[in-house]
């Protein structure tokens, strides 16, 4: 499995987690805080999935730009740039939605934390199931192996 398949798997698991958070959070938020709780849980789940998408997109762009060399400085610049975009975006999100009376801050906070923890869990499961080799040893019958036999 390659990096693109792993990222697709991560997005799929992230979407499943976000949908689960949206459903459970909406029901609990509606029971506890009414419409404000329901809206807060939906917004928290959507922001959580947006961050999962930014992470997957940044890794995909970084892998393609650095030509599949994760030790390249370009790779780290892109990943850190995406991290900064998410940090600034989160701070901006909090600043904008802080004073909105139609939202419940506790339900929004719980949904955001659940989305963050759930997305990390989804990423871990996707990577563990991806079966990406971390070494590329020469196998019997490779071209280099056959040239050694021809010279002896």
C-alpha atoms as a PDB file:
ATOM      1  CA  UNK A   1       0.000   0.000   0.000  1.00  0.00           C
ATOM      2  CA  UNK A   2       1.392   3.408  -0.864  1.00  0.00           C
ATOM      3  CA  UNK A   3       1.096   6.792   0.834  1.00  0.00           C
ATOM      4  CA  UNK A   4      -1.914   7.871  -1.216  1.00  0.00           C
ATOM      5  CA  UNK A   5      -3.875   4.780  -0.200  1.00  0.00           C
ATOM      6  CA  UNK A   6      -2.932   5.346   3.432  1.00  0.00           C
ATOM      7  CA  UNK A   7      -4.122   8.945   3.249  1.00  0.00           C
ATOM      8  CA  UNK A   8      -7.391   7.860   1.630  1.00  0.00           C
ATOM      9  CA  UNK A   9      -7.822   5.353   4.437  1.00  0.00           C
ATOM     10  CA  UNK A  10      -7.071   8.082   6.966  1.00  0.00           C
ATOM     11  CA  UNK A  11      -9.671  10.343   5.368  1.00  0.00           C
ATOM     12  CA  UNK A  12     -12.207   7.530   5.359  1.00  0.00           C
ATOM     13  CA  UNK A  13     -11.627   6.750   9.039  1.00  0.00           C
ATOM     14  CA  UNK A  14     -11.593  10.468   9.852  1.00  0.00           C
ATOM     15  CA  UNK A  15     -14.929  10.893   8.096  1.00  0.00           C
ATOM     16  CA  UNK A  16     -16.377   7.956  10.030  1.00  0.00           C
ATOM     17  CA  UNK A  17     -15.180   9.444  13.311  1.00  0.00           C
ATOM     18  CA  UNK A  18     -16.556  12.880  12.383  1.00  0.00           C
ATOM     19  CA  UNK A  19     -19.940  11.424  11.440  1.00  0.00           C
ATOM     20  CA  UNK A  20     -20.056   9.494  14.693  1.00  0.00           C
ATOM     21  CA  UNK A  21     -19.165  12.627  16.665  1.00  0.00           C
ATOM     22  CA  UNK A  22     -21.777  14.615  14.739  1.00  0.00           C
ATOM     23  CA  UNK A  23     -24.504  12.060  15.482  1.00  0.00           C
ATOM     24  CA  UNK A  24     -23.689  11.368  19.133  1.00  0.00           C
ATOM     25  CA  UNK A  25     -22.740  14.977  19.838  1.00  0.00           C
ATOM     26  CA  UNK A  26     -25.909  16.292  18.244  1.00  0.00           C
ATOM     27  CA  UNK A  27     -28.141  14.021  20.281  1.00  0.00           C
ATOM     28  CA  UNK A  28     -26.317  14.686  23.561  1.00  0.00           C
ATOM     29  CA  UNK A  29     -25.925  18.394  22.797  1.00  0.00           C
ATOM     30  CA  UNK A  30     -29.618  18.720  21.966  1.00  0.00           C
ATOM     31  CA  UNK A  31     -30.604  16.929  25.177  1.00  0.00           C
ATOM     32  CA  UNK A  32     -28.281  19.020  27.343  1.00  0.00           C
ATOM     33  CA  UNK A  33     -28.324  22.455  25.700  1.00  0.00           C
ATOM     34  CA  UNK A  34     -31.097  22.376  23.100  1.00  0.00           C
ATOM     35  CA  UNK A  35     -30.548  23.739  19.600  1.00  0.00           C
ATOM     36  CA  UNK A  36     -27.329  25.500  20.628  1.00  0.00           C
ATOM     37  CA  UNK A  37     -25.831  22.182  21.739  1.00  0.00           C
ATOM     38  CA  UNK A  38     -26.891  20.473  18.533  1.00  0.00           C
ATOM     39  CA  UNK A  39     -25.367  23.197  16.345  1.00  0.00           C
ATOM     40  CA  UNK A  40     -22.188  23.285  18.419  1.00  0.00           C
ATOM     41  CA  UNK A  41     -21.660  19.544  18.077  1.00  0.00           C
ATOM     42  CA  UNK A  42     -22.183  19.692  14.306  1.00  0.00           C
ATOM     43  CA  UNK A  43     -19.760  22.598  13.921  1.00  0.00           C
ATOM     44  CA  UNK A  44     -17.174  20.880  16.133  1.00  0.00           C
ATOM     45  CA  UNK A  45     -17.370  17.678  14.092  1.00  0.00           C
ATOM     46  CA  UNK A  46     -17.097  19.617  10.807  1.00  0.00           C
ATOM     47  CA  UNK A  47     -14.045  21.564  11.999  1.00  0.00           C
ATOM     48  CA  UNK A  48     -12.469  18.311  13.163  1.00  0.00           C
ATOM     49  CA  UNK A  49     -12.918  16.757   9.733  1.00  0.00           C
ATOM     50  CA  UNK A  50     -11.588  19.905   8.069  1.00  0.00           C
ATOM     51  CA  UNK A  51      -8.392  19.518  10.083  1.00  0.00           C
ATOM     52  CA  UNK A  52      -8.125  15.839   9.084  1.00  0.00           C
ATOM     53  CA  UNK A  53      -8.433  16.907   5.460  1.00  0.00           C
ATOM     54  CA  UNK A  54      -5.772  19.598   5.832  1.00  0.00           C
ATOM     55  CA  UNK A  55      -3.396  17.051   7.361  1.00  0.00           C
ATOM     56  CA  UNK A  56      -3.950  14.492   4.603  1.00  0.00           C
ATOM     57  CA  UNK A  57      -3.660  17.104   1.865  1.00  0.00           C
ATOM     58  CA  UNK A  58      -0.449  18.530   3.323  1.00  0.00           C
ATOM     59  CA  UNK A  59       1.181  15.102   3.556  1.00  0.00           C
ATOM     60  CA  UNK A  60       0.153  14.283  -0.009  1.00  0.00           C
ATOM     61  CA  UNK A  61       1.533  17.582  -1.309  1.00  0.00           C
ATOM     62  CA  UNK A  62       4.710  17.153   0.750  1.00  0.00           C
ATOM     63  CA  UNK A  63       5.337  13.631  -0.541  1.00  0.00           C
ATOM     64  CA  UNK A  64       4.811  14.661  -4.147  1.00  0.00           C
ATOM     65  CA  UNK A  65       6.858  17.858  -3.847  1.00  0.00           C
ATOM     66  CA  UNK A  66       9.793  16.242  -2.045  1.00  0.00           C
ATOM     67  CA  UNK A  67       9.793  13.351  -4.545  1.00  0.00           C
ATOM     68  CA  UNK A  68       9.040  10.738  -1.882  1.00  0.00           C
ATOM     69  CA  UNK A  69      12.006  11.791   0.307  1.00  0.00           C
ATOM     70  CA  UNK A  70      10.694  12.429   3.838  1.00  0.00           C
ATOM     71  CA  UNK A  71      14.104  13.713   4.953  1.00  0.00           C
ATOM     72  CA  UNK A  72      13.857  16.603   2.488  1.00  0.00           C
ATOM     73  CA  UNK A  73      13.563  20.078   4.030  1.00  0.00           C
ATOM     74  CA  UNK A  74      10.712  20.811   1.601  1.00  0.00           C
ATOM     75  CA  UNK A  75       8.728  17.972   3.168  1.00  0.00           C
ATOM     76  CA  UNK A  76       9.096  19.469   6.646  1.00  0.00           C
ATOM     77  CA  UNK A  77       8.341  23.003   5.464  1.00  0.00           C
ATOM     78  CA  UNK A  78       5.050  21.884   3.939  1.00  0.00           C
ATOM     79  CA  UNK A  79       4.049  19.830   6.991  1.00  0.00           C
ATOM     80  CA  UNK A  80       4.931  22.644   9.403  1.00  0.00           C
ATOM     81  CA  UNK A  81       3.170  25.162   7.162  1.00  0.00           C
ATOM     82  CA  UNK A  82       0.004  23.085   7.312  1.00  0.00           C
ATOM     83  CA  UNK A  83       0.355  22.805  11.080  1.00  0.00           C
ATOM     84  CA  UNK A  84       0.621  26.588  11.339  1.00  0.00           C
ATOM     85  CA  UNK A  85      -2.421  27.013   9.066  1.00  0.00           C
ATOM     86  CA  UNK A  86      -4.395  24.716  11.374  1.00  0.00           C
ATOM     87  CA  UNK A  87      -3.179  26.555  14.485  1.00  0.00           C
ATOM     88  CA  UNK A  88      -4.018  30.003  13.103  1.00  0.00           C
ATOM     89  CA  UNK A  89      -7.302  28.655  11.735  1.00  0.00           C
ATOM     90  CA  UNK A  90      -8.226  27.243  15.131  1.00  0.00           C
ATOM     91  CA  UNK A  91      -7.397  30.504  16.885  1.00  0.00           C
ATOM     92  CA  UNK A  92      -9.430  32.392  14.271  1.00  0.00           C
ATOM     93  CA  UNK A  93     -12.293  29.923  14.670  1.00  0.00           C
ATOM     94  CA  UNK A  94     -12.331  30.405  18.435  1.00  0.00           C
ATOM     95  CA  UNK A  95     -12.168  34.199  18.057  1.00  0.00           C
ATOM     96  CA  UNK A  96     -15.076  34.263  15.604  1.00  0.00           C
ATOM     97  CA  UNK A  97     -17.350  31.789  17.379  1.00  0.00           C
ATOM     98  CA  UNK A  98     -16.489  32.819  20.932  1.00  0.00           C
ATOM     99  CA  UNK A  99     -19.270  35.345  21.329  1.00  0.00           C
ATOM    100  CA  UNK A 100     -21.963  33.646  19.256  1.00  0.00           C
ATOM    101  CA  UNK A 101     -24.999  33.212  21.491  1.00  0.00           C
ATOM    102  CA  UNK A 102     -26.498  30.529  19.247  1.00  0.00           C
ATOM    103  CA  UNK A 103     -23.736  28.088  20.251  1.00  0.00           C
ATOM    104  CA  UNK A 104     -23.067  26.265  23.490  1.00  0.00           C
ATOM    105  CA  UNK A 105     -19.369  26.629  24.386  1.00  0.00           C
ATOM    106  CA  UNK A 106     -19.210  23.393  26.397  1.00  0.00           C
ATOM    107  CA  UNK A 107     -20.755  21.274  23.632  1.00  0.00           C
ATOM    108  CA  UNK A 108     -18.484  22.933  21.073  1.00  0.00           C
ATOM    109  CA  UNK A 109     -15.410  22.282  23.220  1.00  0.00           C
ATOM    110  CA  UNK A 110     -16.328  18.640  23.818  1.00  0.00           C
ATOM    111  CA  UNK A 111     -17.008  18.067  20.116  1.00  0.00           C
ATOM    112  CA  UNK A 112     -13.683  19.688  19.138  1.00  0.00           C
ATOM    113  CA  UNK A 113     -11.714  17.640  21.666  1.00  0.00           C
ATOM    114  CA  UNK A 114     -13.500  14.446  20.614  1.00  0.00           C
ATOM    115  CA  UNK A 115     -12.765  15.256  16.965  1.00  0.00           C
ATOM    116  CA  UNK A 116      -9.082  15.906  17.704  1.00  0.00           C
ATOM    117  CA  UNK A 117      -8.639  12.704  19.696  1.00  0.00           C
ATOM    118  CA  UNK A 118     -10.730  10.711  17.239  1.00  0.00           C
ATOM    119  CA  UNK A 119      -8.776  11.983  14.239  1.00  0.00           C
ATOM    120  CA  UNK A 120      -5.487  11.025  15.872  1.00  0.00           C
ATOM    121  CA  UNK A 121      -6.921   7.572  16.534  1.00  0.00           C
ATOM    122  CA  UNK A 122      -8.150   7.311  12.942  1.00  0.00           C
ATOM    123  CA  UNK A 123      -4.703   8.289  11.646  1.00  0.00           C
ATOM    124  CA  UNK A 124      -3.014   5.706  13.865  1.00  0.00           C
ATOM    125  CA  UNK A 125      -5.348   2.934  12.724  1.00  0.00           C
ATOM    126  CA  UNK A 126      -4.886   3.925   9.059  1.00  0.00           C
ATOM    127  CA  UNK A 127      -1.089   3.876   9.350  1.00  0.00           C
ATOM    128  CA  UNK A 128      -1.058   0.599  11.265  1.00  0.00           C
ATOM    129  CA  UNK A 129      -3.210  -1.052   8.607  1.00  0.00           C
ATOM    130  CA  UNK A 130      -1.308   0.442   5.675  1.00  0.00           C
ATOM    131  CA  UNK A 131       1.581  -2.056   5.528  1.00  0.00           C
ATOM    132  CA  UNK A 132       4.067   0.416   4.056  1.00  0.00           C
ATOM    133  CA  UNK A 133       7.560  -1.106   4.119  1.00  0.00           C
ATOM    134  CA  UNK A 134      10.257   0.937   5.841  1.00  0.00           C
ATOM    135  CA  UNK A 135      13.108  -0.919   4.115  1.00  0.00           C
ATOM    136  CA  UNK A 136      13.622  -1.924   0.492  1.00  0.00           C
ATOM    137  CA  UNK A 137      16.061  -4.844   0.564  1.00  0.00           C
ATOM    138  CA  UNK A 138      17.222  -6.431  -2.686  1.00  0.00           C
ATOM    139  CA  UNK A 139      15.296  -9.585  -3.465  1.00  0.00           C
ATOM    140  CA  UNK A 140      16.600 -12.697  -5.202  1.00  0.00           C
ATOM    141  CA  UNK A 141      16.155 -12.323  -8.915  1.00  0.00           C
ATOM    142  CA  UNK A 142      16.503  -8.516  -8.964  1.00  0.00           C
ATOM    143  CA  UNK A 143      18.400  -6.977 -11.876  1.00  0.00           C
ATOM    144  CA  UNK A 144      21.466  -6.196  -9.725  1.00  0.00           C
ATOM    145  CA  UNK A 145      21.565  -9.780  -8.491  1.00  0.00           C
ATOM    146  CA  UNK A 146      21.523 -11.216 -12.036  1.00  0.00           C
ATOM    147  CA  UNK A 147      24.349  -8.905 -13.203  1.00  0.00           C
ATOM    148  CA  UNK A 148      26.556 -10.184 -10.351  1.00  0.00           C
ATOM    149  CA  UNK A 149      26.058 -13.751 -11.550  1.00  0.00           C
ATOM    150  CA  UNK A 150      26.861 -12.852 -15.136  1.00  0.00           C
ATOM    151  CA  UNK A 151      30.239 -11.348 -14.202  1.00  0.00           C
ATOM    152  CA  UNK A 152      31.394 -14.389 -12.183  1.00  0.00           C
END
